[in-house]
Amino acid sequence: MDRRRALKTLALGVTALSLPSRAALLAAEAPAAAKPAPTGPIASGPIASAPVTSAAAPTGPFSLPPLGYAVDALEPFLDAATMTIHHDKHHAAYVTNLNKAVAGRKEVEGVTLEQLLRDLAKVPDDIRTAVRNHGGGHANHSLLWTSLKKDAAKAPIGELAKAIDTAFGSFSAFHDKFNAAAMSVFGSGWAWLSADAAGKVQVETTPNQDTPITAGRTPLLGLDVWEHAYYLKFQNRRVEYVTAFASVVDWDVISARYRERK
């Protein structure tokens, strides 16, 4: 065999060794056979994940109130997916964390949520921030769910209608100011229609989960402008969410809330 033929034969041999066989290619394309799930306290492998489990209902002195209607009841204005996550995940987390904060604390045992938020200065220093954040989240969302209804009254009545006219000149003027307040919140927070002890109403905003209760006022209507309240449907279009929200406010409930505030 001359030198050229010897080199050619050697090259073909190396190529045959380096290429995968047809059987190997077919095996790679076929679905992998199911393997038994790893057992023990730690799953093996770099991409092993914990099983998905349903979140347990909050336990403790405070509880998650039911939504009160089907998650799709406010469609097409507020979508079912957002309502499910907003209530079952976000609100539930506020309740869970509030219960954790007050667990075993005799100083706040038996104190109502409204009392905690109205007298935050009396809450022990080491749990005050948790009560403010998670207690506020619980109170704000509890008020929110009961303020909404599809095909409900579109304007206030009775004493509230008069109070709004006195404060803003008209319901339309209030509406413009309320929506502008919601759009003015930088980051996460709320826009509110609230009433003071004398019954005077005002539009205000609060950051995070702060509530007018802490300032001594009664919240009548709150608009949640945290992104979790609207991002699935509206993404960054907060103005569209604010407009849609106005279509599902139950003004009969808000009017009754003002009448019964004392």
Protein backbone atom coordinates (compact mmCIF):
# COMPACT_ATOMS: atom_id res chain seq x y z
CA MET A 1 0.00 0.00 0.00
CA ASP A 2 1.49 3.37 -1.00
CA ARG A 3 1.61 6.33 1.40
CA ARG A 4 -1.42 8.16 -0.17
CA ARG A 5 -3.74 5.12 0.13
CA ALA A 6 -2.61 4.51 3.69
CA LEU A 7 -3.51 8.07 4.74
CA LYS A 8 -6.93 7.80 3.08
CA THR A 9 -7.69 4.55 4.88
CA LEU A 10 -6.67 6.08 8.22
CA ALA A 11 -8.90 9.13 7.66
CA LEU A 12 -11.96 7.02 6.91
CA GLY A 13 -11.39 5.02 10.06
CA VAL A 14 -11.23 8.13 12.25
CA THR A 15 -14.44 9.51 10.69
CA ALA A 16 -16.29 6.27 11.33
CA LEU A 17 -15.23 6.38 14.98
CA SER A 18 -16.30 10.04 15.48
CA LEU A 19 -19.77 9.99 13.87
CA PRO A 20 -22.75 8.68 15.92
CA SER A 21 -24.41 5.53 14.66
CA ARG A 22 -27.90 5.63 13.08
CA ALA A 23 -29.21 3.77 16.13
CA ALA A 24 -27.80 6.49 18.39
CA LEU A 25 -29.42 9.22 16.29
CA LEU A 26 -32.79 7.49 16.41
CA ALA A 27 -32.48 7.05 20.16
CA ALA A 28 -31.71 10.75 20.58
CA GLU A 29 -34.81 11.76 18.59
CA ALA A 30 -37.15 9.39 20.42
CA PRO A 31 -38.92 10.60 23.60
CA ALA A 32 -36.95 9.79 26.72
CA ALA A 33 -38.32 6.94 28.76
CA ALA A 34 -40.02 8.03 31.94
CA LYS A 35 -37.82 7.69 34.99
CA PRO A 36 -39.04 7.13 38.54
CA ALA A 37 -39.36 10.35 40.51
CA PRO A 38 -36.48 10.82 42.96
CA THR A 39 -37.29 10.04 46.55
CA GLY A 40 -35.93 11.38 49.81
CA PRO A 41 -35.65 14.86 51.29
CA ILE A 42 -33.56 16.17 48.39
CA ALA A 43 -34.39 15.61 44.71
CA SER A 44 -31.39 14.54 42.64
CA GLY A 45 -30.18 16.31 39.52
CA PRO A 46 -29.51 19.97 38.74
CA ILE A 47 -33.02 20.70 37.37
CA ALA A 48 -35.18 18.74 39.81
CA SER A 49 -38.13 20.77 41.10
CA ALA A 50 -40.50 20.49 44.01
CA PRO A 51 -44.05 19.28 43.31
CA VAL A 52 -46.69 21.97 42.89
CA THR A 53 -49.15 22.06 45.78
CA SER A 54 -52.20 24.16 46.49
CA ALA A 55 -51.74 26.98 48.96
CA ALA A 56 -53.25 26.26 52.34
CA ALA A 57 -56.00 28.53 53.60
CA PRO A 58 -54.69 31.13 56.05
CA THR A 59 -55.05 30.12 59.70
CA GLY A 60 -55.16 32.43 62.69
CA PRO A 61 -57.35 35.23 64.02
CA PHE A 62 -57.80 36.75 60.55
CA SER A 63 -59.33 34.92 57.60
CA LEU A 64 -59.64 35.39 53.87
CA PRO A 65 -63.20 36.45 53.00
CA PRO A 66 -64.78 34.80 49.96
CA LEU A 67 -64.84 36.80 46.78
CA GLY A 68 -68.64 36.75 46.89
CA TYR A 69 -69.17 36.12 43.18
CA ALA A 70 -67.70 34.08 40.34
CA VAL A 71 -64.21 35.08 39.22
CA ASP A 72 -65.57 35.88 35.76
CA ALA A 73 -68.51 37.91 37.04
CA LEU A 74 -66.86 41.22 36.14
CA GLU A 75 -65.88 40.26 32.59
CA PRO A 76 -65.08 41.85 30.20
CA PHE A 77 -63.96 44.72 32.43
CA LEU A 78 -61.89 42.78 34.97
CA ASP A 79 -60.72 39.37 33.79
CA ALA A 80 -61.19 36.06 35.56
CA ALA A 81 -57.49 35.15 35.63
CA THR A 82 -56.55 38.37 37.40
CA MET A 83 -59.44 38.10 39.86
CA THR A 84 -58.38 34.54 40.75
CA ILE A 85 -54.74 35.41 41.35
CA HIS A 86 -55.56 38.73 43.03
CA HIS A 87 -57.93 37.17 45.56
CA ASP A 88 -56.62 33.62 46.02
CA LYS A 89 -52.90 34.46 45.98
CA HIS A 90 -52.21 38.12 46.77
CA HIS A 91 -54.99 38.74 49.29
CA ALA A 92 -54.46 35.33 50.86
CA ALA A 93 -50.76 36.12 51.31
CA TYR A 94 -51.59 39.34 53.18
CA VAL A 95 -53.84 37.40 55.56
CA THR A 96 -51.25 34.66 56.08
CA ASN A 97 -48.47 37.13 56.84
CA LEU A 98 -50.68 39.20 59.14
CA ASN A 99 -51.52 36.07 61.12
CA LYS A 100 -47.82 35.22 61.36
CA ALA A 101 -47.05 38.72 62.65
CA VAL A 102 -49.61 38.61 65.47
CA ALA A 103 -49.22 34.94 66.40
CA GLY A 104 -48.58 34.56 70.12
CA ARG A 105 -48.60 38.32 70.74
CA LYS A 106 -50.75 38.97 73.81
CA GLU A 107 -50.42 42.73 73.26
CA VAL A 108 -52.71 42.57 70.21
CA GLU A 109 -54.80 39.52 71.04
CA GLY A 110 -58.49 40.17 70.38
CA VAL A 111 -57.85 43.53 68.72
CA THR A 112 -59.82 44.04 65.51
CA LEU A 113 -58.13 44.79 62.23
CA GLU A 114 -59.61 48.30 62.14
CA GLN A 115 -58.32 48.98 65.66
CA LEU A 116 -54.84 47.77 64.70
CA LEU A 117 -54.72 50.05 61.66
CA ARG A 118 -56.30 53.04 63.38
CA ASP A 119 -53.89 52.85 66.31
CA LEU A 120 -50.69 51.67 64.64
CA ALA A 121 -48.63 53.62 67.18
CA LYS A 122 -49.87 51.20 69.84
CA VAL A 123 -48.76 48.13 67.91
CA PRO A 124 -45.41 46.73 69.19
CA ASP A 125 -42.46 48.13 67.25
CA ASP A 126 -41.19 44.78 66.01
CA ILE A 127 -44.45 43.86 64.25
CA ARG A 128 -45.76 47.33 63.37
CA THR A 129 -44.46 47.33 59.81
CA ALA A 130 -45.88 43.86 59.14
CA VAL A 131 -49.26 44.88 60.55
CA ARG A 132 -49.21 48.08 58.51
CA ASN A 133 -48.34 46.29 55.27
CA HIS A 134 -50.21 43.02 55.57
CA GLY A 135 -53.06 44.30 57.73
CA GLY A 136 -53.51 47.16 55.30
CA GLY A 137 -53.48 44.75 52.38
CA HIS A 138 -56.12 42.62 54.06
CA ALA A 139 -58.38 45.57 54.89
CA ASN A 140 -57.99 47.25 51.51
CA HIS A 141 -58.76 44.13 49.51
CA SER A 142 -61.68 43.14 51.73
CA LEU A 143 -63.23 46.53 50.98
CA LEU A 144 -62.42 46.24 47.28
CA TRP A 145 -64.23 42.95 46.62
CA THR A 146 -67.45 44.22 48.17
CA SER A 147 -67.33 47.43 46.11
CA LEU A 148 -67.65 45.74 42.73
CA LYS A 149 -70.57 44.41 40.75
CA LYS A 150 -71.39 44.22 37.08
CA ASP A 151 -74.48 46.18 35.95
CA ALA A 152 -74.70 47.92 39.33
CA ALA A 153 -75.77 51.47 40.13
CA LYS A 154 -73.61 53.92 38.16
CA ALA A 155 -73.86 56.92 40.48
CA PRO A 156 -74.16 57.58 44.22
CA ILE A 157 -77.47 58.33 45.88
CA GLY A 158 -78.77 60.02 49.02
CA GLU A 159 -76.34 61.49 51.52
CA LEU A 160 -73.25 60.49 49.56
CA ALA A 161 -74.51 62.13 46.37
CA LYS A 162 -74.99 65.38 48.30
CA ALA A 163 -71.59 65.12 49.96
CA ILE A 164 -69.89 64.58 46.60
CA ASP A 165 -71.68 67.52 45.02
CA THR A 166 -70.65 69.70 47.96
CA ALA A 167 -67.01 68.64 47.84
CA PHE A 168 -66.44 68.45 44.08
CA GLY A 169 -69.30 70.33 42.41
CA SER A 170 -70.67 67.25 40.64
CA PHE A 171 -70.27 63.50 40.38
CA SER A 172 -68.60 63.97 37.01
CA ALA A 173 -66.02 66.32 38.54
CA PHE A 174 -65.37 63.78 41.32
CA HIS A 175 -64.94 61.05 38.76
CA ASP A 176 -62.32 63.04 36.88
CA LYS A 177 -60.41 63.79 40.07
CA PHE A 178 -60.56 60.20 41.27
CA ASN A 179 -59.24 58.85 37.97
CA ALA A 180 -56.48 61.47 37.89
CA ALA A 181 -55.47 60.45 41.42
CA ALA A 182 -55.25 56.80 40.34
CA MET A 183 -53.03 57.75 37.42
CA SER A 184 -50.82 59.91 39.65
CA VAL A 185 -49.72 57.05 41.93
CA PHE A 186 -46.07 56.34 41.23
CA GLY A 187 -45.39 52.66 41.61
CA SER A 188 -47.79 50.71 43.82
CA GLY A 189 -50.64 52.16 45.85
CA TRP A 190 -54.31 53.10 45.95
CA ALA A 191 -56.68 55.91 45.02
CA TRP A 192 -59.49 56.53 47.51
CA LEU A 193 -62.77 58.22 48.10
CA SER A 194 -62.84 58.65 51.86
CA ALA A 195 -64.81 60.52 54.50
CA ASP A 196 -63.70 62.26 57.68
CA ALA A 197 -65.49 62.20 61.02
CA ALA A 198 -67.69 65.11 59.98
CA GLY A 199 -68.77 63.37 56.80
CA LYS A 200 -66.73 65.51 54.41
CA VAL A 201 -65.52 63.43 51.49
CA GLN A 202 -62.20 63.70 49.71
CA VAL A 203 -60.07 62.00 47.08
CA GLU A 204 -56.67 60.85 48.29
CA THR A 205 -53.92 58.38 47.48
CA THR A 206 -51.83 56.10 49.64
CA PRO A 207 -48.61 54.24 48.84
CA ASN A 208 -48.23 50.49 49.08
CA GLN A 209 -51.02 49.05 51.28
CA ASP A 210 -51.52 52.09 53.50
CA THR A 211 -55.14 52.93 54.29
CA PRO A 212 -57.13 56.07 55.15
CA ILE A 213 -58.11 54.27 58.36
CA THR A 214 -54.68 55.06 59.84
CA ALA A 215 -55.31 58.77 59.20
CA GLY A 216 -58.68 58.61 60.98
CA ARG A 217 -60.82 58.58 57.84
CA THR A 218 -63.31 56.02 56.56
CA PRO A 219 -62.47 54.48 53.18
CA LEU A 220 -65.54 54.36 50.95
CA LEU A 221 -64.07 53.26 47.63
CA GLY A 222 -60.53 52.13 46.86
CA LEU A 223 -58.94 51.57 43.48
CA ASP A 224 -55.96 49.20 43.61
CA VAL A 225 -53.26 50.36 41.20
CA TRP A 226 -50.66 47.74 42.08
CA GLU A 227 -49.65 46.04 38.84
CA HIS A 228 -50.93 42.70 40.11
CA ALA A 229 -54.43 44.17 39.91
CA TYR A 230 -54.36 44.72 36.15
CA TYR A 231 -51.19 43.62 34.38
CA LEU A 232 -52.42 40.31 32.93
CA LYS A 233 -55.14 42.06 30.94
CA PHE A 234 -53.94 45.63 30.52
CA GLN A 235 -50.13 45.33 30.81
CA ASN A 236 -48.77 48.89 31.12
CA ARG A 237 -52.05 50.55 30.07
CA ARG A 238 -53.18 51.68 33.50
CA VAL A 239 -55.53 54.29 32.04
CA GLU A 240 -57.57 51.52 30.37
CA TYR A 241 -57.76 49.63 33.66
CA VAL A 242 -58.92 52.73 35.53
CA THR A 243 -61.63 53.29 32.91
CA ALA A 244 -62.74 49.66 33.06
CA PHE A 245 -62.82 49.73 36.87
CA ALA A 246 -65.39 52.56 36.82
CA SER A 247 -67.77 50.26 34.94
CA VAL A 248 -68.02 47.76 37.81
CA VAL A 249 -68.22 50.02 40.88
CA ASP A 250 -71.40 49.35 42.86
CA TRP A 251 -72.48 52.83 43.92
CA ASP A 252 -75.40 51.51 45.95
CA VAL A 253 -72.86 49.75 48.21
CA ILE A 254 -70.62 52.83 48.37
CA SER A 255 -73.61 55.03 49.23
CA ALA A 256 -74.66 52.65 52.01
CA ARG A 257 -71.09 52.58 53.32
CA TYR A 258 -71.13 56.35 53.67
CA ARG A 259 -74.54 56.31 55.34
CA GLU A 260 -73.44 53.68 57.88
CA ARG A 261 -69.88 54.92 58.44
CA LYS A 262 -70.48 56.01 62.05
